[in-house]
N, C-alpha and C. Protein backbone atom coordinates (compact mmCIF):
# COMPACT_ATOMS: atom_id res chain seq x y z
N MET A 1 105.42 81.12 95.36
CA MET A 1 103.99 81.24 95.28
C MET A 1 103.53 80.52 94.01
N SER A 2 102.49 79.74 94.10
CA SER A 2 101.99 79.02 92.94
C SER A 2 101.32 79.98 91.97
N SER A 3 101.27 79.59 90.69
CA SER A 3 100.64 80.46 89.70
C SER A 3 99.14 80.58 89.97
N ALA A 4 98.51 79.53 90.51
CA ALA A 4 97.08 79.61 90.84
C ALA A 4 96.83 80.62 91.95
N ALA A 5 97.69 80.60 92.98
CA ALA A 5 97.55 81.55 94.09
C ALA A 5 97.80 82.98 93.60
N ALA A 6 98.83 83.15 92.74
CA ALA A 6 99.13 84.47 92.21
C ALA A 6 97.96 84.99 91.38
N TYR A 7 97.36 84.11 90.58
CA TYR A 7 96.23 84.53 89.76
C TYR A 7 95.03 84.89 90.64
N GLY A 8 94.82 84.15 91.72
CA GLY A 8 93.74 84.47 92.65
C GLY A 8 93.94 85.84 93.27
N ASP A 9 95.18 86.15 93.67
CA ASP A 9 95.49 87.47 94.22
C ASP A 9 95.24 88.56 93.18
N PHE A 10 95.63 88.28 91.94
CA PHE A 10 95.42 89.23 90.85
C PHE A 10 93.93 89.51 90.65
N LEU A 11 93.14 88.45 90.60
CA LEU A 11 91.69 88.61 90.39
C LEU A 11 91.03 89.41 91.52
N ARG A 12 91.46 89.16 92.77
CA ARG A 12 90.90 89.93 93.89
C ARG A 12 91.19 91.42 93.72
N GLY A 13 92.42 91.76 93.31
CA GLY A 13 92.76 93.16 93.08
C GLY A 13 91.99 93.75 91.91
N LEU A 14 91.82 92.96 90.85
CA LEU A 14 91.08 93.42 89.68
C LEU A 14 89.62 93.72 90.03
N ILE A 15 89.03 92.86 90.83
CA ILE A 15 87.63 93.04 91.23
C ILE A 15 87.47 94.23 92.15
N SER A 16 88.42 94.40 93.09
CA SER A 16 88.26 95.49 94.06
C SER A 16 88.52 96.87 93.44
N ASN A 17 89.39 96.96 92.41
CA ASN A 17 89.68 98.26 91.81
C ASN A 17 90.11 98.05 90.36
N PRO A 18 89.17 97.82 89.45
CA PRO A 18 89.52 97.49 88.07
C PRO A 18 90.30 98.57 87.33
N ARG A 19 90.10 99.84 87.66
CA ARG A 19 90.83 100.91 86.96
C ARG A 19 92.29 100.98 87.37
N ALA A 20 92.64 100.37 88.50
CA ALA A 20 94.02 100.40 88.97
C ALA A 20 94.85 99.27 88.39
N VAL A 21 94.22 98.37 87.65
CA VAL A 21 94.91 97.21 87.09
C VAL A 21 95.04 97.41 85.59
N SER A 22 96.25 97.20 85.07
CA SER A 22 96.51 97.54 83.67
C SER A 22 96.30 96.40 82.69
N ALA A 23 95.95 95.21 83.16
CA ALA A 23 95.88 94.07 82.25
C ALA A 23 94.77 93.12 82.66
N PRO A 24 94.28 92.32 81.70
CA PRO A 24 93.25 91.34 82.04
C PRO A 24 93.82 90.10 82.73
N THR A 25 95.14 89.93 82.66
CA THR A 25 95.82 88.80 83.30
C THR A 25 97.14 89.28 83.88
N PRO A 26 97.71 88.54 84.83
CA PRO A 26 99.03 88.94 85.34
C PRO A 26 100.10 88.81 84.25
N SER A 27 101.16 89.57 84.38
CA SER A 27 102.27 89.47 83.43
C SER A 27 102.88 88.07 83.48
N SER A 28 103.25 87.57 82.32
CA SER A 28 103.91 86.26 82.27
C SER A 28 105.35 86.40 82.77
N PRO A 29 105.95 85.29 83.20
CA PRO A 29 107.37 85.36 83.58
C PRO A 29 108.26 85.84 82.43
N THR A 30 107.91 85.48 81.19
CA THR A 30 108.68 85.93 80.02
C THR A 30 108.63 87.45 79.90
N LEU A 31 107.44 88.02 80.05
CA LEU A 31 107.30 89.48 80.00
C LEU A 31 108.04 90.13 81.16
N ALA A 32 107.90 89.58 82.34
CA ALA A 32 108.57 90.15 83.51
C ALA A 32 110.09 90.16 83.33
N ARG A 33 110.64 89.08 82.78
CA ARG A 33 112.09 89.04 82.53
C ARG A 33 112.50 90.06 81.47
N ALA A 34 111.66 90.25 80.45
CA ALA A 34 111.98 91.24 79.41
C ALA A 34 112.01 92.66 79.99
N ILE A 35 111.12 92.93 80.91
CA ILE A 35 111.10 94.24 81.59
C ILE A 35 112.35 94.40 82.45
N ALA A 36 112.63 93.40 83.27
CA ALA A 36 113.79 93.46 84.17
C ALA A 36 115.10 93.60 83.41
N ALA A 37 115.18 93.00 82.23
CA ALA A 37 116.41 93.05 81.44
C ALA A 37 116.77 94.47 81.00
N GLN A 38 115.80 95.38 81.03
CA GLN A 38 116.06 96.76 80.63
C GLN A 38 116.76 97.57 81.73
N VAL A 39 116.86 97.01 82.93
CA VAL A 39 117.49 97.70 84.06
C VAL A 39 118.99 97.41 84.03
N ASP A 40 119.78 98.47 83.97
CA ASP A 40 121.23 98.38 83.96
C ASP A 40 121.73 98.22 85.40
N LEU A 41 122.22 97.03 85.71
CA LEU A 41 122.67 96.74 87.08
C LEU A 41 123.93 97.51 87.46
N GLY A 42 124.62 98.07 86.49
CA GLY A 42 125.84 98.83 86.77
C GLY A 42 125.58 100.24 87.25
N ARG A 43 124.33 100.67 87.20
CA ARG A 43 123.99 102.02 87.66
C ARG A 43 123.72 102.03 89.16
N ASP A 44 124.21 103.05 89.84
CA ASP A 44 123.95 103.21 91.27
C ASP A 44 122.57 103.83 91.47
N GLY A 45 121.97 103.50 92.59
CA GLY A 45 120.72 104.14 92.96
C GLY A 45 119.57 103.17 93.07
N LEU A 46 118.41 103.75 93.35
CA LEU A 46 117.20 102.97 93.53
C LEU A 46 116.62 102.53 92.20
N VAL A 47 115.97 101.39 92.22
CA VAL A 47 115.13 100.96 91.12
C VAL A 47 113.70 101.10 91.66
N ILE A 48 112.92 101.95 91.03
CA ILE A 48 111.57 102.24 91.51
C ILE A 48 110.58 101.53 90.60
N GLU A 49 109.72 100.74 91.20
CA GLU A 49 108.69 100.03 90.44
C GLU A 49 107.35 100.68 90.73
N LEU A 50 106.73 101.19 89.69
CA LEU A 50 105.43 101.85 89.80
C LEU A 50 104.34 100.84 89.45
N GLY A 51 103.42 100.61 90.38
CA GLY A 51 102.33 99.68 90.11
C GLY A 51 102.77 98.24 90.00
N PRO A 52 103.37 97.67 91.05
CA PRO A 52 103.88 96.30 90.96
C PRO A 52 102.81 95.22 90.97
N GLY A 53 101.58 95.57 91.32
CA GLY A 53 100.53 94.54 91.33
C GLY A 53 100.86 93.41 92.29
N THR A 54 100.87 92.18 91.79
CA THR A 54 101.14 91.01 92.64
C THR A 54 102.62 90.69 92.76
N GLY A 55 103.48 91.42 92.04
CA GLY A 55 104.91 91.25 92.22
C GLY A 55 105.61 90.36 91.20
N VAL A 56 104.98 90.08 90.08
CA VAL A 56 105.63 89.24 89.06
C VAL A 56 106.90 89.92 88.54
N VAL A 57 106.81 91.22 88.24
CA VAL A 57 107.98 91.96 87.76
C VAL A 57 108.98 92.17 88.90
N THR A 58 108.48 92.39 90.10
CA THR A 58 109.36 92.53 91.26
C THR A 58 110.25 91.30 91.39
N GLN A 59 109.66 90.12 91.29
CA GLN A 59 110.42 88.88 91.37
C GLN A 59 111.47 88.82 90.27
N ALA A 60 111.08 89.21 89.06
CA ALA A 60 112.03 89.19 87.94
C ALA A 60 113.17 90.19 88.16
N LEU A 61 112.86 91.35 88.73
CA LEU A 61 113.92 92.33 89.03
C LEU A 61 114.91 91.76 90.04
N LEU A 62 114.40 91.10 91.07
CA LEU A 62 115.28 90.49 92.07
C LEU A 62 116.13 89.39 91.43
N GLU A 63 115.51 88.56 90.60
CA GLU A 63 116.24 87.48 89.93
C GLU A 63 117.26 88.04 88.93
N HIS A 64 116.98 89.20 88.36
CA HIS A 64 117.89 89.87 87.43
C HIS A 64 119.14 90.37 88.16
N GLY A 65 119.01 90.57 89.48
CA GLY A 65 120.16 91.01 90.27
C GLY A 65 119.98 92.32 90.98
N VAL A 66 118.79 92.93 90.91
CA VAL A 66 118.56 94.17 91.66
C VAL A 66 118.49 93.81 93.14
N PRO A 67 119.36 94.37 93.98
CA PRO A 67 119.31 94.07 95.41
C PRO A 67 117.99 94.55 96.02
N ALA A 68 117.43 93.75 96.90
CA ALA A 68 116.14 94.07 97.52
C ALA A 68 116.18 95.42 98.24
N ASP A 69 117.33 95.78 98.82
CA ASP A 69 117.39 97.05 99.55
C ASP A 69 117.49 98.27 98.63
N ARG A 70 117.61 98.04 97.32
CA ARG A 70 117.60 99.15 96.35
C ARG A 70 116.28 99.23 95.59
N LEU A 71 115.37 98.31 95.87
CA LEU A 71 114.10 98.25 95.14
C LEU A 71 112.99 98.90 95.97
N VAL A 72 112.30 99.85 95.35
CA VAL A 72 111.18 100.53 95.99
C VAL A 72 109.95 100.32 95.10
N ALA A 73 108.90 99.75 95.67
CA ALA A 73 107.66 99.49 94.93
C ALA A 73 106.57 100.41 95.48
N ILE A 74 105.81 101.02 94.57
CA ILE A 74 104.73 101.93 94.96
C ILE A 74 103.44 101.43 94.34
N GLU A 75 102.50 101.05 95.19
CA GLU A 75 101.25 100.41 94.73
C GLU A 75 100.05 101.12 95.32
N LEU A 76 99.10 101.50 94.47
CA LEU A 76 97.89 102.21 94.90
C LEU A 76 96.85 101.26 95.50
N GLU A 77 96.69 100.08 94.93
CA GLU A 77 95.68 99.13 95.38
C GLU A 77 96.13 98.49 96.71
N GLY A 78 95.36 98.71 97.77
CA GLY A 78 95.73 98.27 99.11
C GLY A 78 96.00 96.77 99.22
N SER A 79 95.16 95.96 98.60
CA SER A 79 95.37 94.51 98.70
C SER A 79 96.67 94.09 98.05
N PHE A 80 97.04 94.75 96.95
CA PHE A 80 98.31 94.43 96.30
C PHE A 80 99.49 94.90 97.16
N ALA A 81 99.37 96.08 97.78
CA ALA A 81 100.46 96.58 98.63
C ALA A 81 100.69 95.63 99.81
N ARG A 82 99.61 95.15 100.42
CA ARG A 82 99.75 94.19 101.54
C ARG A 82 100.40 92.89 101.06
N LEU A 83 99.97 92.40 99.90
CA LEU A 83 100.55 91.19 99.34
C LEU A 83 102.04 91.38 99.06
N MET A 84 102.40 92.52 98.49
CA MET A 84 103.81 92.80 98.19
C MET A 84 104.65 92.81 99.46
N ARG A 85 104.16 93.41 100.52
CA ARG A 85 104.92 93.45 101.78
C ARG A 85 105.13 92.05 102.34
N LYS A 86 104.11 91.21 102.18
CA LYS A 86 104.20 89.83 102.66
C LYS A 86 105.17 89.01 101.80
N ARG A 87 105.07 89.15 100.48
CA ARG A 87 105.91 88.36 99.57
C ARG A 87 107.36 88.82 99.55
N PHE A 88 107.58 90.13 99.72
CA PHE A 88 108.93 90.69 99.58
C PHE A 88 109.27 91.56 100.80
N PRO A 89 109.49 90.95 101.95
CA PRO A 89 109.70 91.74 103.18
C PRO A 89 110.95 92.62 103.15
N LYS A 90 111.91 92.34 102.28
CA LYS A 90 113.13 93.16 102.22
C LYS A 90 113.03 94.30 101.21
N VAL A 91 111.96 94.32 100.43
CA VAL A 91 111.73 95.40 99.46
C VAL A 91 110.91 96.48 100.16
N THR A 92 111.25 97.74 99.90
CA THR A 92 110.46 98.85 100.44
C THR A 92 109.20 98.97 99.60
N VAL A 93 108.05 98.80 100.24
CA VAL A 93 106.76 98.88 99.55
C VAL A 93 105.95 100.02 100.15
N HIS A 94 105.55 100.95 99.29
CA HIS A 94 104.72 102.07 99.71
C HIS A 94 103.32 101.88 99.15
N HIS A 95 102.33 102.16 99.98
CA HIS A 95 100.94 102.17 99.53
C HIS A 95 100.60 103.61 99.20
N GLY A 96 100.52 103.92 97.90
CA GLY A 96 100.25 105.29 97.50
C GLY A 96 100.16 105.42 96.00
N ASP A 97 100.01 106.66 95.56
CA ASP A 97 99.86 106.95 94.14
C ASP A 97 101.23 107.00 93.47
N ALA A 98 101.49 106.04 92.61
CA ALA A 98 102.79 105.95 91.94
C ALA A 98 103.03 107.08 90.95
N VAL A 99 101.98 107.72 90.49
CA VAL A 99 102.15 108.85 89.56
C VAL A 99 102.93 109.97 90.24
N THR A 100 102.78 110.08 91.55
CA THR A 100 103.54 111.08 92.32
C THR A 100 104.65 110.37 93.11
N PHE A 101 105.41 109.55 92.39
CA PHE A 101 106.44 108.70 93.02
C PHE A 101 107.43 109.49 93.85
N GLU A 102 107.70 110.74 93.49
CA GLU A 102 108.69 111.54 94.22
C GLU A 102 108.33 111.69 95.69
N SER A 103 107.02 111.68 96.00
CA SER A 103 106.60 111.84 97.39
C SER A 103 106.87 110.59 98.22
N GLN A 104 107.24 109.50 97.57
CA GLN A 104 107.47 108.24 98.27
C GLN A 104 108.95 107.92 98.46
N ILE A 105 109.83 108.76 97.93
CA ILE A 105 111.27 108.52 98.07
C ILE A 105 111.92 109.74 98.71
N ALA A 106 113.09 109.54 99.29
CA ALA A 106 113.80 110.64 99.93
C ALA A 106 114.19 111.70 98.89
N PHE A 107 114.06 112.96 99.28
CA PHE A 107 114.44 114.06 98.39
C PHE A 107 115.90 113.89 97.99
N GLY A 108 116.17 113.98 96.69
CA GLY A 108 117.53 113.88 96.20
C GLY A 108 118.07 112.46 96.10
N ALA A 109 117.22 111.46 96.36
CA ALA A 109 117.68 110.07 96.27
C ALA A 109 118.17 109.78 94.86
N ARG A 110 119.23 109.04 94.77
CA ARG A 110 119.76 108.64 93.46
C ARG A 110 118.88 107.54 92.89
N VAL A 111 118.49 107.69 91.63
CA VAL A 111 117.60 106.72 90.98
C VAL A 111 118.34 106.12 89.78
N ALA A 112 118.36 104.79 89.71
CA ALA A 112 119.02 104.08 88.62
C ALA A 112 118.07 103.81 87.47
N ALA A 113 116.81 103.50 87.79
CA ALA A 113 115.81 103.19 86.76
C ALA A 113 114.42 103.24 87.38
N ILE A 114 113.44 103.47 86.52
CA ILE A 114 112.04 103.40 86.94
C ILE A 114 111.34 102.44 86.00
N VAL A 115 110.64 101.48 86.60
CA VAL A 115 109.91 100.45 85.86
C VAL A 115 108.44 100.65 86.18
N SER A 116 107.61 100.68 85.14
CA SER A 116 106.20 100.99 85.36
C SER A 116 105.26 99.95 84.76
N GLY A 117 104.35 99.50 85.61
CA GLY A 117 103.25 98.66 85.17
C GLY A 117 101.93 99.41 85.28
N LEU A 118 102.01 100.73 85.40
CA LEU A 118 100.81 101.55 85.54
C LEU A 118 99.97 101.49 84.26
N PRO A 119 98.66 101.56 84.40
CA PRO A 119 97.80 101.62 83.22
C PRO A 119 97.82 103.03 82.61
N LEU A 120 98.96 103.40 82.03
CA LEU A 120 99.16 104.77 81.57
C LEU A 120 98.11 105.23 80.56
N LEU A 121 97.67 104.34 79.70
CA LEU A 121 96.74 104.76 78.66
C LEU A 121 95.38 105.17 79.23
N GLN A 122 95.15 104.89 80.50
CA GLN A 122 93.92 105.33 81.14
C GLN A 122 94.06 106.75 81.71
N LEU A 123 95.27 107.29 81.64
CA LEU A 123 95.54 108.63 82.17
C LEU A 123 95.57 109.64 81.03
N PRO A 124 95.25 110.91 81.32
CA PRO A 124 95.36 111.94 80.29
C PRO A 124 96.79 112.04 79.77
N LEU A 125 96.93 112.39 78.50
CA LEU A 125 98.25 112.47 77.87
C LEU A 125 99.18 113.40 78.64
N GLU A 126 98.70 114.53 79.11
CA GLU A 126 99.57 115.47 79.84
C GLU A 126 100.08 114.85 81.14
N THR A 127 99.28 114.03 81.81
CA THR A 127 99.73 113.34 83.02
C THR A 127 100.82 112.34 82.66
N ARG A 128 100.64 111.62 81.56
CA ARG A 128 101.66 110.66 81.11
C ARG A 128 102.96 111.37 80.77
N ARG A 129 102.84 112.49 80.05
CA ARG A 129 104.05 113.25 79.69
C ARG A 129 104.78 113.75 80.93
N SER A 130 104.02 114.28 81.87
CA SER A 130 104.62 114.78 83.10
C SER A 130 105.35 113.67 83.86
N LEU A 131 104.71 112.52 83.97
CA LEU A 131 105.33 111.39 84.67
C LEU A 131 106.64 111.00 83.98
N LEU A 132 106.63 110.88 82.66
CA LEU A 132 107.83 110.50 81.93
C LEU A 132 108.93 111.54 82.10
N ARG A 133 108.61 112.80 81.96
CA ARG A 133 109.61 113.86 82.12
C ARG A 133 110.23 113.82 83.52
N ARG A 134 109.38 113.70 84.54
CA ARG A 134 109.88 113.68 85.92
C ARG A 134 110.71 112.43 86.19
N ALA A 135 110.29 111.30 85.61
CA ALA A 135 111.02 110.04 85.82
C ALA A 135 112.42 110.12 85.22
N LEU A 136 112.53 110.71 84.05
CA LEU A 136 113.85 110.83 83.43
C LEU A 136 114.67 111.94 84.09
N ALA A 137 114.02 113.01 84.53
CA ALA A 137 114.74 114.13 85.14
C ALA A 137 115.39 113.75 86.47
N CYS A 138 114.83 112.78 87.19
CA CYS A 138 115.40 112.42 88.49
C CYS A 138 116.57 111.43 88.35
N GLN A 139 116.93 111.09 87.11
CA GLN A 139 118.04 110.18 86.84
C GLN A 139 119.12 110.93 86.07
N ASP A 140 120.35 110.45 86.20
CA ASP A 140 121.39 111.05 85.38
C ASP A 140 121.45 110.33 84.03
N ALA A 141 122.38 110.72 83.19
CA ALA A 141 122.49 110.16 81.83
C ALA A 141 122.51 108.63 81.89
N GLY A 142 121.76 108.04 80.99
CA GLY A 142 121.70 106.58 80.93
C GLY A 142 120.55 105.98 81.70
N GLY A 143 119.83 106.80 82.44
CA GLY A 143 118.68 106.29 83.20
C GLY A 143 117.57 105.86 82.26
N ALA A 144 116.66 105.05 82.79
CA ALA A 144 115.60 104.51 81.95
C ALA A 144 114.25 104.59 82.64
N PHE A 145 113.23 104.78 81.82
CA PHE A 145 111.84 104.63 82.24
C PHE A 145 111.30 103.50 81.37
N VAL A 146 110.98 102.38 82.01
CA VAL A 146 110.54 101.18 81.30
C VAL A 146 109.05 101.00 81.56
N GLN A 147 108.27 100.96 80.48
CA GLN A 147 106.82 100.90 80.60
C GLN A 147 106.25 99.68 79.89
N LEU A 148 105.43 98.94 80.60
CA LEU A 148 104.67 97.83 80.03
C LEU A 148 103.41 98.40 79.38
N SER A 149 103.08 97.92 78.18
CA SER A 149 101.85 98.37 77.52
C SER A 149 101.35 97.28 76.57
N TYR A 150 100.05 97.28 76.37
CA TYR A 150 99.45 96.34 75.41
C TYR A 150 99.12 97.03 74.10
N SER A 151 99.37 98.32 74.01
CA SER A 151 99.10 99.07 72.80
C SER A 151 100.29 98.98 71.85
N TRP A 152 100.00 99.02 70.56
CA TRP A 152 101.06 99.01 69.55
C TRP A 152 101.68 100.39 69.39
N ARG A 153 101.07 101.39 69.98
CA ARG A 153 101.64 102.74 69.96
C ARG A 153 102.26 103.03 71.31
N PRO A 154 103.33 103.82 71.33
CA PRO A 154 103.94 104.14 72.63
C PRO A 154 102.96 104.90 73.52
N PRO A 155 102.99 104.65 74.82
CA PRO A 155 102.07 105.33 75.73
C PRO A 155 102.31 106.83 75.79
N VAL A 156 103.53 107.25 75.50
CA VAL A 156 103.88 108.66 75.44
C VAL A 156 104.76 108.84 74.20
N PRO A 157 104.37 109.70 73.27
CA PRO A 157 105.25 109.93 72.13
C PRO A 157 106.59 110.50 72.62
N PRO A 158 107.71 110.00 72.10
CA PRO A 158 109.00 110.52 72.57
C PRO A 158 109.17 111.99 72.19
N GLU A 159 109.83 112.70 73.06
CA GLU A 159 110.09 114.12 72.83
C GLU A 159 111.53 114.30 72.36
N PRO A 160 111.86 115.46 71.80
CA PRO A 160 113.25 115.70 71.41
C PRO A 160 114.20 115.45 72.58
N GLY A 161 115.28 114.79 72.31
CA GLY A 161 116.25 114.48 73.36
C GLY A 161 116.01 113.15 74.05
N MET A 162 114.94 112.45 73.69
CA MET A 162 114.63 111.13 74.26
C MET A 162 114.84 110.07 73.19
N THR A 163 115.27 108.91 73.63
CA THR A 163 115.27 107.76 72.74
C THR A 163 114.20 106.79 73.24
N LEU A 164 113.65 106.02 72.33
CA LEU A 164 112.61 105.08 72.68
C LEU A 164 112.85 103.78 71.92
N THR A 165 112.84 102.68 72.65
CA THR A 165 112.93 101.36 72.03
C THR A 165 111.71 100.55 72.46
N ARG A 166 111.38 99.55 71.64
CA ARG A 166 110.24 98.68 71.94
C ARG A 166 110.67 97.24 71.76
N LYS A 167 110.27 96.42 72.71
CA LYS A 167 110.43 94.97 72.58
C LYS A 167 109.04 94.37 72.70
N THR A 168 108.65 93.57 71.72
CA THR A 168 107.35 92.90 71.76
C THR A 168 107.54 91.52 72.37
N VAL A 169 106.71 91.19 73.33
CA VAL A 169 106.76 89.89 74.00
C VAL A 169 105.52 89.12 73.57
N TRP A 170 105.73 88.15 72.70
CA TRP A 170 104.63 87.35 72.17
C TRP A 170 104.18 86.29 73.15
N ARG A 171 105.09 85.85 74.03
CA ARG A 171 104.76 84.79 74.99
C ARG A 171 104.14 85.39 76.25
N ASN A 172 103.09 86.11 76.03
CA ASN A 172 102.30 86.73 77.09
C ASN A 172 100.87 86.80 76.56
N PHE A 173 99.89 86.70 77.45
CA PHE A 173 98.51 86.85 77.00
C PHE A 173 97.90 88.05 77.69
N PRO A 174 97.49 89.05 76.90
CA PRO A 174 97.74 89.21 75.47
C PRO A 174 99.19 89.61 75.22
N PRO A 175 99.67 89.53 73.95
CA PRO A 175 101.03 89.99 73.66
C PRO A 175 101.22 91.41 74.18
N ALA A 176 102.43 91.69 74.65
CA ALA A 176 102.69 92.98 75.28
C ALA A 176 103.94 93.62 74.71
N HIS A 177 104.11 94.89 75.03
CA HIS A 177 105.27 95.65 74.58
C HIS A 177 105.98 96.23 75.79
N VAL A 178 107.30 96.22 75.71
CA VAL A 178 108.14 96.84 76.73
C VAL A 178 108.74 98.07 76.05
N TRP A 179 108.29 99.24 76.47
CA TRP A 179 108.76 100.51 75.91
C TRP A 179 109.80 101.08 76.87
N THR A 180 111.01 101.36 76.36
CA THR A 180 112.08 101.90 77.20
C THR A 180 112.48 103.28 76.69
N TYR A 181 112.25 104.26 77.55
CA TYR A 181 112.61 105.65 77.25
C TYR A 181 113.92 105.97 77.96
N ARG A 182 114.78 106.70 77.28
CA ARG A 182 116.02 107.19 77.89
C ARG A 182 116.23 108.65 77.50
N ALA A 183 116.79 109.41 78.41
CA ALA A 183 117.14 110.79 78.09
C ALA A 183 118.42 110.77 77.28
N GLY A 184 118.45 111.60 76.22
CA GLY A 184 119.61 111.61 75.33
C GLY A 184 120.75 112.41 75.84
């Protein structure tokens, strides 16, 4: 897909539901690769992508080596969900609320990592905390919750027993941060 076409798809989604989009522009390939690099390919289970938008990070996850049949994308914006199904027919794409991701996967499914492009800072802090706790709780030791953010502060302050790392990606407009939470 050309970058012009991808940007057009992004703008249509932004116009139709601005609160569901976390950025003024699509993620750059550099940012998408930085996010995908946080996923440990040696872990068994699903890689769940929350809020994939137009699929820039999805593409990077596939290029990183995540098998399409292990990737589950959950997108609230209908036009983005349709686009994702068209672009990635082998990836499981759900149209729904990614904050309640558990309702979109089989009960007891093994989860290797959760990658989020959700606009978390637009959500109440308790909702963000709950999402992070649930995302880490559904994984065994070594699991990760990877969050894209444009804020210099973490979207959720780490709690005891969690580790948090940050990678700043300058080659993105605007510069972005990849926050990776892990249960200790």
